[in-house]
Amino acid sequence: MKAKQGQSFCDLVIQETGDIGNAFAMAFQNGLSITDSLTIGQEIIPAGKENKSISEIWSENNLPATAITNIDFAIIVPDEGIGAMIIEDTFIVR
């Protein structure tokens, strides 16, 4: 199978096997980490047991695509708020 735009490794695991439990087997089979970013068109070999009732949900027009880029992450989670404040610099204690 080939990765499409916006698909993470775990998306392909679910799409092809219907079971996220196969992630480590597929990662080992393909020499990848489950957190590796995929390139568009990258070939992945399925591995593990298939749960057809789940994998049949995904068709060519209904593919999972949950990968997030650093640019997307910066838009969704801006660097502000109490978690980003520095005491006596951006967070003044009175």
PDB file of N, CA and C in Angstrom:
ATOM      1  N   MET A   1       0.829  -1.166   0.000  1.00  0.00           N
ATOM      2  CA  MET A   1       0.000   0.000   0.000  1.00  0.00           C
ATOM      3  C   MET A   1       0.874   1.229   0.000  1.00  0.00           C
ATOM      4  N   LYS A   2       0.350   2.339  -0.502  1.00  0.00           N
ATOM      5  CA  LYS A   2       1.102   3.588  -0.573  1.00  0.00           C
ATOM      6  C   LYS A   2       0.454   4.627   0.336  1.00  0.00           C
ATOM      7  N   ALA A   3       1.303   5.385   1.014  1.00  0.00           N
ATOM      8  CA  ALA A   3       0.821   6.464   1.874  1.00  0.00           C
ATOM      9  C   ALA A   3       0.308   7.613   1.014  1.00  0.00           C
ATOM     10  N   LYS A   4      -0.778   8.191   1.453  1.00  0.00           N
ATOM     11  CA  LYS A   4      -1.351   9.351   0.773  1.00  0.00           C
ATOM     12  C   LYS A   4      -1.096  10.590   1.628  1.00  0.00           C
ATOM     13  N   GLN A   5      -1.356  11.761   1.061  1.00  0.00           N
ATOM     14  CA  GLN A   5      -1.120  13.011   1.781  1.00  0.00           C
ATOM     15  C   GLN A   5      -1.889  13.032   3.097  1.00  0.00           C
ATOM     16  N   GLY A   6      -1.204  13.405   4.173  1.00  0.00           N
ATOM     17  CA  GLY A   6      -1.840  13.542   5.475  1.00  0.00           C
ATOM     18  C   GLY A   6      -1.970  12.251   6.262  1.00  0.00           C
ATOM     19  N   GLN A   7      -1.461  11.150   5.737  1.00  0.00           N
ATOM     20  CA  GLN A   7      -1.582   9.884   6.453  1.00  0.00           C
ATOM     21  C   GLN A   7      -0.367   9.624   7.333  1.00  0.00           C
ATOM     22  N   SER A   8      -0.641   9.188   8.541  1.00  0.00           N
ATOM     23  CA  SER A   8       0.418   8.780   9.459  1.00  0.00           C
ATOM     24  C   SER A   8       0.603   7.267   9.335  1.00  0.00           C
ATOM     25  N   PHE A   9       1.655   6.767   9.954  1.00  0.00           N
ATOM     26  CA  PHE A   9       1.897   5.325   9.942  1.00  0.00           C
ATOM     27  C   PHE A   9       0.715   4.586  10.569  1.00  0.00           C
ATOM     28  N   CYS A  10       0.207   5.113  11.689  1.00  0.00           N
ATOM     29  CA  CYS A  10      -0.923   4.452  12.372  1.00  0.00           C
ATOM     30  C   CYS A  10      -2.190   4.474  11.523  1.00  0.00           C
ATOM     31  N   ASP A  11      -2.372   5.518  10.695  1.00  0.00           N
ATOM     32  CA  ASP A  11      -3.507   5.541   9.765  1.00  0.00           C
ATOM     33  C   ASP A  11      -3.443   4.337   8.828  1.00  0.00           C
ATOM     34  N   LEU A  12      -2.254   4.054   8.314  1.00  0.00           N
ATOM     35  CA  LEU A  12      -2.102   2.927   7.392  1.00  0.00           C
ATOM     36  C   LEU A  12      -2.306   1.594   8.093  1.00  0.00           C
ATOM     37  N   VAL A  13      -1.880   1.509   9.344  1.00  0.00           N
ATOM     38  CA  VAL A  13      -2.104   0.274  10.109  1.00  0.00           C
ATOM     39  C   VAL A  13      -3.603   0.007  10.221  1.00  0.00           C
ATOM     40  N   ILE A  14      -4.368   1.015  10.623  1.00  0.00           N
ATOM     41  CA  ILE A  14      -5.826   0.870  10.761  1.00  0.00           C
ATOM     42  C   ILE A  14      -6.470   0.594   9.406  1.00  0.00           C
ATOM     43  N   GLN A  15      -6.061   1.326   8.387  1.00  0.00           N
ATOM     44  CA  GLN A  15      -6.636   1.173   7.051  1.00  0.00           C
ATOM     45  C   GLN A  15      -6.450  -0.244   6.517  1.00  0.00           C
ATOM     46  N   GLU A  16      -5.278  -0.803   6.695  1.00  0.00           N
ATOM     47  CA  GLU A  16      -4.978  -2.104   6.102  1.00  0.00           C
ATOM     48  C   GLU A  16      -5.325  -3.294   6.982  1.00  0.00           C
ATOM     49  N   THR A  17      -5.179  -3.156   8.311  1.00  0.00           N
ATOM     50  CA  THR A  17      -5.406  -4.319   9.175  1.00  0.00           C
ATOM     51  C   THR A  17      -6.608  -4.167  10.087  1.00  0.00           C
ATOM     52  N   GLY A  18      -7.068  -2.930  10.314  1.00  0.00           N
ATOM     53  CA  GLY A  18      -8.209  -2.717  11.191  1.00  0.00           C
ATOM     54  C   GLY A  18      -7.891  -2.886  12.663  1.00  0.00           C
ATOM     55  N   ASP A  19      -6.604  -2.963  13.018  1.00  0.00           N
ATOM     56  CA  ASP A  19      -6.223  -3.189  14.413  1.00  0.00           C
ATOM     57  C   ASP A  19      -4.922  -2.456  14.717  1.00  0.00           C
ATOM     58  N   ILE A  20      -4.983  -1.441  15.569  1.00  0.00           N
ATOM     59  CA  ILE A  20      -3.794  -0.666  15.920  1.00  0.00           C
ATOM     60  C   ILE A  20      -2.765  -1.535  16.633  1.00  0.00           C
ATOM     61  N   GLY A  21      -3.191  -2.660  17.166  1.00  0.00           N
ATOM     62  CA  GLY A  21      -2.275  -3.598  17.805  1.00  0.00           C
ATOM     63  C   GLY A  21      -1.230  -4.157  16.847  1.00  0.00           C
ATOM     64  N   ASN A  22      -1.456  -4.018  15.552  1.00  0.00           N
ATOM     65  CA  ASN A  22      -0.499  -4.482  14.548  1.00  0.00           C
ATOM     66  C   ASN A  22       0.587  -3.453  14.250  1.00  0.00           C
ATOM     67  N   ALA A  23       0.546  -2.308  14.907  1.00  0.00           N
ATOM     68  CA  ALA A  23       1.482  -1.222  14.594  1.00  0.00           C
ATOM     69  C   ALA A  23       2.937  -1.648  14.749  1.00  0.00           C
ATOM     70  N   PHE A  24       3.264  -2.325  15.839  1.00  0.00           N
ATOM     71  CA  PHE A  24       4.658  -2.712  16.056  1.00  0.00           C
ATOM     72  C   PHE A  24       5.111  -3.768  15.052  1.00  0.00           C
ATOM     73  N   ALA A  25       4.236  -4.711  14.719  1.00  0.00           N
ATOM     74  CA  ALA A  25       4.582  -5.735  13.724  1.00  0.00           C
ATOM     75  C   ALA A  25       4.826  -5.096  12.357  1.00  0.00           C
ATOM     76  N   MET A  26       3.966  -4.141  11.976  1.00  0.00           N
ATOM     77  CA  MET A  26       4.139  -3.465  10.691  1.00  0.00           C
ATOM     78  C   MET A  26       5.382  -2.588  10.696  1.00  0.00           C
ATOM     79  N   ALA A  27       5.644  -1.924  11.811  1.00  0.00           N
ATOM     80  CA  ALA A  27       6.844  -1.083  11.903  1.00  0.00           C
ATOM     81  C   ALA A  27       8.092  -1.946  11.736  1.00  0.00           C
ATOM     82  N   PHE A  28       8.131  -3.080  12.422  1.00  0.00           N
ATOM     83  CA  PHE A  28       9.270  -3.995  12.315  1.00  0.00           C
ATOM     84  C   PHE A  28       9.414  -4.517  10.887  1.00  0.00           C
ATOM     85  N   GLN A  29       8.299  -4.913  10.284  1.00  0.00           N
ATOM     86  CA  GLN A  29       8.287  -5.450   8.915  1.00  0.00           C
ATOM     87  C   GLN A  29       8.854  -4.444   7.914  1.00  0.00           C
ATOM     88  N   ASN A  30       8.590  -3.148   8.157  1.00  0.00           N
ATOM     89  CA  ASN A  30       8.988  -2.106   7.216  1.00  0.00           C
ATOM     90  C   ASN A  30      10.230  -1.328   7.647  1.00  0.00           C
ATOM     91  N   GLY A  31      10.826  -1.710   8.775  1.00  0.00           N
ATOM     92  CA  GLY A  31      12.020  -1.015   9.246  1.00  0.00           C
ATOM     93  C   GLY A  31      11.755   0.419   9.654  1.00  0.00           C
ATOM     94  N   LEU A  32      10.579   0.665  10.228  1.00  0.00           N
ATOM     95  CA  LEU A  32      10.179   2.015  10.630  1.00  0.00           C
ATOM     96  C   LEU A  32       9.853   2.063  12.109  1.00  0.00           C
ATOM     97  N   SER A  33       9.673   3.266  12.616  1.00  0.00           N
ATOM     98  CA  SER A  33       9.133   3.487  13.952  1.00  0.00           C
ATOM     99  C   SER A  33       7.667   3.860  13.780  1.00  0.00           C
ATOM    100  N   ILE A  34       6.839   3.580  14.773  1.00  0.00           N
ATOM    101  CA  ILE A  34       5.418   3.926  14.643  1.00  0.00           C
ATOM    102  C   ILE A  34       5.209   5.433  14.637  1.00  0.00           C
ATOM    103  N   THR A  35       6.225   6.207  15.017  1.00  0.00           N
ATOM    104  CA  THR A  35       6.095   7.668  15.021  1.00  0.00           C
ATOM    105  C   THR A  35       6.769   8.321  13.821  1.00  0.00           C
ATOM    106  N   ASP A  36       7.330   7.538  12.909  1.00  0.00           N
ATOM    107  CA  ASP A  36       7.981   8.107  11.723  1.00  0.00           C
ATOM    108  C   ASP A  36       6.969   8.829  10.841  1.00  0.00           C
ATOM    109  N   SER A  37       7.421   9.935  10.242  1.00  0.00           N
ATOM    110  CA  SER A  37       6.607  10.635   9.250  1.00  0.00           C
ATOM    111  C   SER A  37       6.758   9.906   7.923  1.00  0.00           C
ATOM    112  N   LEU A  38       5.665   9.778   7.206  1.00  0.00           N
ATOM    113  CA  LEU A  38       5.689   9.098   5.912  1.00  0.00           C
ATOM    114  C   LEU A  38       5.691  10.121   4.791  1.00  0.00           C
ATOM    115  N   THR A  39       6.287   9.750   3.670  1.00  0.00           N
ATOM    116  CA  THR A  39       6.233  10.604   2.493  1.00  0.00           C
ATOM    117  C   THR A  39       5.104  10.111   1.595  1.00  0.00           C
ATOM    118  N   ILE A  40       4.561  11.012   0.814  1.00  0.00           N
ATOM    119  CA  ILE A  40       3.478  10.644  -0.099  1.00  0.00           C
ATOM    120  C   ILE A  40       4.007   9.605  -1.083  1.00  0.00           C
ATOM    121  N   GLY A  41       3.296   8.503  -1.207  1.00  0.00           N
ATOM    122  CA  GLY A  41       3.685   7.429  -2.113  1.00  0.00           C
ATOM    123  C   GLY A  41       4.605   6.388  -1.505  1.00  0.00           C
ATOM    124  N   GLN A  42       5.001   6.584  -0.242  1.00  0.00           N
ATOM    125  CA  GLN A  42       5.883   5.612   0.415  1.00  0.00           C
ATOM    126  C   GLN A  42       5.171   4.271   0.540  1.00  0.00           C
ATOM    127  N   GLU A  43       5.853   3.208   0.136  1.00  0.00           N
ATOM    128  CA  GLU A  43       5.284   1.858   0.169  1.00  0.00           C
ATOM    129  C   GLU A  43       5.406   1.266   1.570  1.00  0.00           C
ATOM    130  N   ILE A  44       4.314   0.711   2.073  1.00  0.00           N
ATOM    131  CA  ILE A  44       4.283   0.042   3.370  1.00  0.00           C
ATOM    132  C   ILE A  44       3.716  -1.360   3.159  1.00  0.00           C
ATOM    133  N   ILE A  45       4.379  -2.360   3.737  1.00  0.00           N
ATOM    134  CA  ILE A  45       3.931  -3.751   3.634  1.00  0.00           C
ATOM    135  C   ILE A  45       3.097  -4.080   4.868  1.00  0.00           C
ATOM    136  N   PRO A  46       1.833  -4.515   4.689  1.00  0.00           N
ATOM    137  CA  PRO A  46       0.991  -4.860   5.841  1.00  0.00           C
ATOM    138  C   PRO A  46       1.536  -6.072   6.596  1.00  0.00           C
ATOM    139  N   ALA A  47       1.266  -6.119   7.892  1.00  0.00           N
ATOM    140  CA  ALA A  47       1.669  -7.258   8.726  1.00  0.00           C
ATOM    141  C   ALA A  47       0.675  -7.401   9.867  1.00  0.00           C
ATOM    142  N   GLY A  48       0.556  -8.592  10.409  1.00  0.00           N
ATOM    143  CA  GLY A  48      -0.333  -8.839  11.540  1.00  0.00           C
ATOM    144  C   GLY A  48      -1.686  -9.360  11.094  1.00  0.00           C
ATOM    145  N   LYS A  49      -2.530  -9.645  12.077  1.00  0.00           N
ATOM    146  CA  LYS A  49      -3.873 -10.163  11.809  1.00  0.00           C
ATOM    147  C   LYS A  49      -4.790  -9.037  11.344  1.00  0.00           C
ATOM    148  N   GLU A  50      -5.678  -9.366  10.408  1.00  0.00           N
ATOM    149  CA  GLU A  50      -6.618  -8.372   9.897  1.00  0.00           C
ATOM    150  C   GLU A  50      -7.961  -8.500  10.601  1.00  0.00           C
ATOM    151  N   ASN A  51      -8.518  -7.363  10.991  1.00  0.00           N
ATOM    152  CA  ASN A  51      -9.872  -7.285  11.518  1.00  0.00           C
ATOM    153  C   ASN A  51     -10.720  -6.694  10.398  1.00  0.00           C
ATOM    154  N   LYS A  52     -11.302  -7.569   9.564  1.00  0.00           N
ATOM    155  CA  LYS A  52     -12.009  -7.129   8.361  1.00  0.00           C
ATOM    156  C   LYS A  52     -13.162  -6.177   8.648  1.00  0.00           C
ATOM    157  N   SER A  53     -13.857  -6.359   9.763  1.00  0.00           N
ATOM    158  CA  SER A  53     -15.001  -5.484  10.048  1.00  0.00           C
ATOM    159  C   SER A  53     -14.568  -4.031  10.208  1.00  0.00           C
ATOM    160  N   ILE A  54     -13.347  -3.800  10.651  1.00  0.00           N
ATOM    161  CA  ILE A  54     -12.840  -2.434  10.781  1.00  0.00           C
ATOM    162  C   ILE A  54     -12.176  -1.978   9.487  1.00  0.00           C
ATOM    163  N   SER A  55     -11.316  -2.805   8.906  1.00  0.00           N
ATOM    164  CA  SER A  55     -10.581  -2.385   7.708  1.00  0.00           C
ATOM    165  C   SER A  55     -11.501  -2.162   6.511  1.00  0.00           C
ATOM    166  N   GLU A  56     -12.659  -2.808   6.466  1.00  0.00           N
ATOM    167  CA  GLU A  56     -13.594  -2.616   5.355  1.00  0.00           C
ATOM    168  C   GLU A  56     -14.283  -1.255   5.398  1.00  0.00           C
ATOM    169  N   ILE A  57     -14.233  -0.584   6.537  1.00  0.00           N
ATOM    170  CA  ILE A  57     -14.828   0.754   6.651  1.00  0.00           C
ATOM    171  C   ILE A  57     -14.094   1.735   5.745  1.00  0.00           C
ATOM    172  N   TRP A  58     -12.778   1.543   5.616  1.00  0.00           N
ATOM    173  CA  TRP A  58     -11.962   2.484   4.862  1.00  0.00           C
ATOM    174  C   TRP A  58     -11.964   2.120   3.387  1.00  0.00           C
ATOM    175  N   SER A  59     -12.488   3.010   2.570  1.00  0.00           N
ATOM    176  CA  SER A  59     -12.497   2.828   1.123  1.00  0.00           C
ATOM    177  C   SER A  59     -11.604   3.905   0.512  1.00  0.00           C
ATOM    178  N   GLU A  60     -11.461   3.888  -0.775  1.00  0.00           N
ATOM    179  CA  GLU A  60     -10.616   4.881  -1.456  1.00  0.00           C
ATOM    180  C   GLU A  60     -11.075   6.310  -1.165  1.00  0.00           C
ATOM    181  N   ASN A  61     -12.364   6.510  -0.938  1.00  0.00           N
ATOM    182  CA  ASN A  61     -12.891   7.850  -0.669  1.00  0.00           C
ATOM    183  C   ASN A  61     -13.017   8.157   0.813  1.00  0.00           C
ATOM    184  N   ASN A  62     -12.662   7.220   1.659  1.00  0.00           N
ATOM    185  CA  ASN A  62     -12.828   7.403   3.099  1.00  0.00           C
ATOM    186  C   ASN A  62     -11.582   6.897   3.832  1.00  0.00           C
ATOM    187  N   LEU A  63     -10.424   7.466   3.487  1.00  0.00           N
ATOM    188  CA  LEU A  63      -9.172   7.020   4.085  1.00  0.00           C
ATOM    189  C   LEU A  63      -8.832   7.862   5.307  1.00  0.00           C
ATOM    190  N   PRO A  64      -8.298   7.239   6.361  1.00  0.00           N
ATOM    191  CA  PRO A  64      -7.888   8.015   7.530  1.00  0.00           C
ATOM    192  C   PRO A  64      -6.655   8.851   7.192  1.00  0.00           C
ATOM    193  N   ALA A  65      -6.636  10.093   7.657  1.00  0.00           N
ATOM    194  CA  ALA A  65      -5.485  10.981   7.431  1.00  0.00           C
ATOM    195  C   ALA A  65      -5.353  11.904   8.631  1.00  0.00           C
ATOM    196  N   THR A  66      -4.607  11.455   9.633  1.00  0.00           N
ATOM    197  CA  THR A  66      -4.500  12.221  10.874  1.00  0.00           C
ATOM    198  C   THR A  66      -3.101  12.754  11.135  1.00  0.00           C
ATOM    199  N   ALA A  67      -2.198  12.655  10.151  1.00  0.00           N
ATOM    200  CA  ALA A  67      -0.836  13.161  10.357  1.00  0.00           C
ATOM    201  C   ALA A  67      -0.878  14.675  10.523  1.00  0.00           C
ATOM    202  N   ILE A  68       0.013  15.199  11.352  1.00  0.00           N
ATOM    203  CA  ILE A  68       0.065  16.633  11.593  1.00  0.00           C
ATOM    204  C   ILE A  68       1.506  17.104  11.405  1.00  0.00           C
ATOM    205  N   THR A  69       1.668  18.212  10.686  1.00  0.00           N
ATOM    206  CA  THR A  69       2.998  18.771  10.460  1.00  0.00           C
ATOM    207  C   THR A  69       3.324  19.766  11.566  1.00  0.00           C
ATOM    208  N   ASN A  70       4.581  20.160  11.655  1.00  0.00           N
ATOM    209  CA  ASN A  70       4.976  21.159  12.649  1.00  0.00           C
ATOM    210  C   ASN A  70       4.271  22.487  12.413  1.00  0.00           C
ATOM    211  N   ILE A  71       4.039  22.843  11.157  1.00  0.00           N
ATOM    212  CA  ILE A  71       3.330  24.087  10.836  1.00  0.00           C
ATOM    213  C   ILE A  71       1.887  23.997  11.317  1.00  0.00           C
ATOM    214  N   ASP A  72       1.223  22.862  11.046  1.00  0.00           N
ATOM    215  CA  ASP A  72      -0.150  22.669  11.520  1.00  0.00           C
ATOM    216  C   ASP A  72      -0.206  22.717  13.038  1.00  0.00           C
ATOM    217  N   PHE A  73       0.758  22.089  13.694  1.00  0.00           N
ATOM    218  CA  PHE A  73       0.783  22.048  15.154  1.00  0.00           C
ATOM    219  C   PHE A  73       0.918  23.451  15.734  1.00  0.00           C
ATOM    220  N   ALA A  74       1.743  24.288  15.110  1.00  0.00           N
ATOM    221  CA  ALA A  74       1.934  25.663  15.585  1.00  0.00           C
ATOM    222  C   ALA A  74       0.648  26.472  15.464  1.00  0.00           C
ATOM    223  N   ILE A  75      -0.151  26.189  14.458  1.00  0.00           N
ATOM    224  CA  ILE A  75      -1.425  26.896  14.285  1.00  0.00           C
ATOM    225  C   ILE A  75      -2.441  26.419  15.316  1.00  0.00           C
ATOM    226  N   ILE A  76      -2.496  25.116  15.520  1.00  0.00           N
ATOM    227  CA  ILE A  76      -3.473  24.538  16.440  1.00  0.00           C
ATOM    228  C   ILE A  76      -3.111  24.814  17.890  1.00  0.00           C
ATOM    229  N   VAL A  77      -1.833  24.693  18.229  1.00  0.00           N
ATOM    230  CA  VAL A  77      -1.383  24.864  19.607  1.00  0.00           C
ATOM    231  C   VAL A  77      -0.380  26.019  19.655  1.00  0.00           C
ATOM    232  N   PRO A  78      -0.889  27.257  19.719  1.00  0.00           N
ATOM    233  CA  PRO A  78       0.036  28.393  19.760  1.00  0.00           C
ATOM    234  C   PRO A  78       0.828  28.405  21.067  1.00  0.00           C
ATOM    235  N   ASP A  79       2.011  28.971  21.018  1.00  0.00           N
ATOM    236  CA  ASP A  79       2.892  29.022  22.182  1.00  0.00           C
ATOM    237  C   ASP A  79       2.509  30.208  23.061  1.00  0.00           C
ATOM    238  N   GLU A  80       1.429  30.058  23.776  1.00  0.00           N
ATOM    239  CA  GLU A  80       0.980  31.109  24.682  1.00  0.00           C
ATOM    240  C   GLU A  80       0.232  30.484  25.847  1.00  0.00           C
ATOM    241  N   GLY A  81      -0.123  31.283  26.803  1.00  0.00           N
ATOM    242  CA  GLY A  81      -0.842  30.777  27.963  1.00  0.00           C
ATOM    243  C   GLY A  81       0.102  30.486  29.103  1.00  0.00           C
ATOM    244  N   ILE A  82      -0.441  30.014  30.191  1.00  0.00           N
ATOM    245  CA  ILE A  82       0.351  29.821  31.405  1.00  0.00           C
ATOM    246  C   ILE A  82       1.464  28.805  31.228  1.00  0.00           C
ATOM    247  N   GLY A  83       1.277  27.844  30.336  1.00  0.00           N
ATOM    248  CA  GLY A  83       2.320  26.853  30.102  1.00  0.00           C
ATOM    249  C   GLY A  83       3.556  27.426  29.439  1.00  0.00           C
ATOM    250  N   ALA A  84       3.424  28.585  28.785  1.00  0.00           N
ATOM    251  CA  ALA A  84       4.554  29.202  28.097  1.00  0.00           C
ATOM    252  C   ALA A  84       5.104  30.406  28.849  1.00  0.00           C
ATOM    253  N   MET A  85       4.500  30.743  29.976  1.00  0.00           N
ATOM    254  CA  MET A  85       4.924  31.930  30.719  1.00  0.00           C
ATOM    255  C   MET A  85       6.163  31.653  31.561  1.00  0.00           C
ATOM    256  N   ILE A  86       6.997  32.671  31.667  1.00  0.00           N
ATOM    257  CA  ILE A  86       8.214  32.592  32.474  1.00  0.00           C
ATOM    258  C   ILE A  86       8.031  33.518  33.671  1.00  0.00           C
ATOM    259  N   ILE A  87       8.186  32.977  34.871  1.00  0.00           N
ATOM    260  CA  ILE A  87       7.987  33.772  36.086  1.00  0.00           C
ATOM    261  C   ILE A  87       8.966  34.942  36.094  1.00  0.00           C
ATOM    262  N   GLU A  88       8.451  36.130  36.451  1.00  0.00           N
ATOM    263  CA  GLU A  88       9.181  37.395  36.506  1.00  0.00           C
ATOM    264  C   GLU A  88       9.597  37.902  35.127  1.00  0.00           C
ATOM    265  N   ASP A  89       9.184  37.262  34.064  1.00  0.00           N
ATOM    266  CA  ASP A  89       9.483  37.763  32.721  1.00  0.00           C
ATOM    267  C   ASP A  89       8.169  38.036  31.994  1.00  0.00           C
ATOM    268  N   THR A  90       7.452  36.991  31.616  1.00  0.00           N
ATOM    269  CA  THR A  90       6.150  37.167  30.972  1.00  0.00           C
ATOM    270  C   THR A  90       5.008  36.898  31.939  1.00  0.00           C
ATOM    271  N   PHE A  91       5.318  36.370  33.099  1.00  0.00           N
ATOM    272  CA  PHE A  91       4.320  36.125  34.145  1.00  0.00           C
ATOM    273  C   PHE A  91       4.814  36.854  35.390  1.00  0.00           C
ATOM    274  N   ILE A  92       4.183  37.980  35.684  1.00  0.00           N
ATOM    275  CA  ILE A  92       4.629  38.837  36.784  1.00  0.00           C
ATOM    276  C   ILE A  92       3.898  38.451  38.064  1.00  0.00           C
ATOM    277  N   VAL A  93       4.663  38.132  39.101  1.00  0.00           N
ATOM    278  CA  VAL A  93       4.104  37.813  40.410  1.00  0.00           C
ATOM    279  C   VAL A  93       4.093  39.091  41.221  1.00  0.00           C
ATOM    280  N   ARG A  94       2.923  39.473  41.750  1.00  0.00           N
ATOM    281  CA  ARG A  94       2.819  40.719  42.531  1.00  0.00           C
ATOM    282  C   ARG A  94       2.542  40.406  43.967  1.00  0.00           C
TER     283      ARG A  94
END
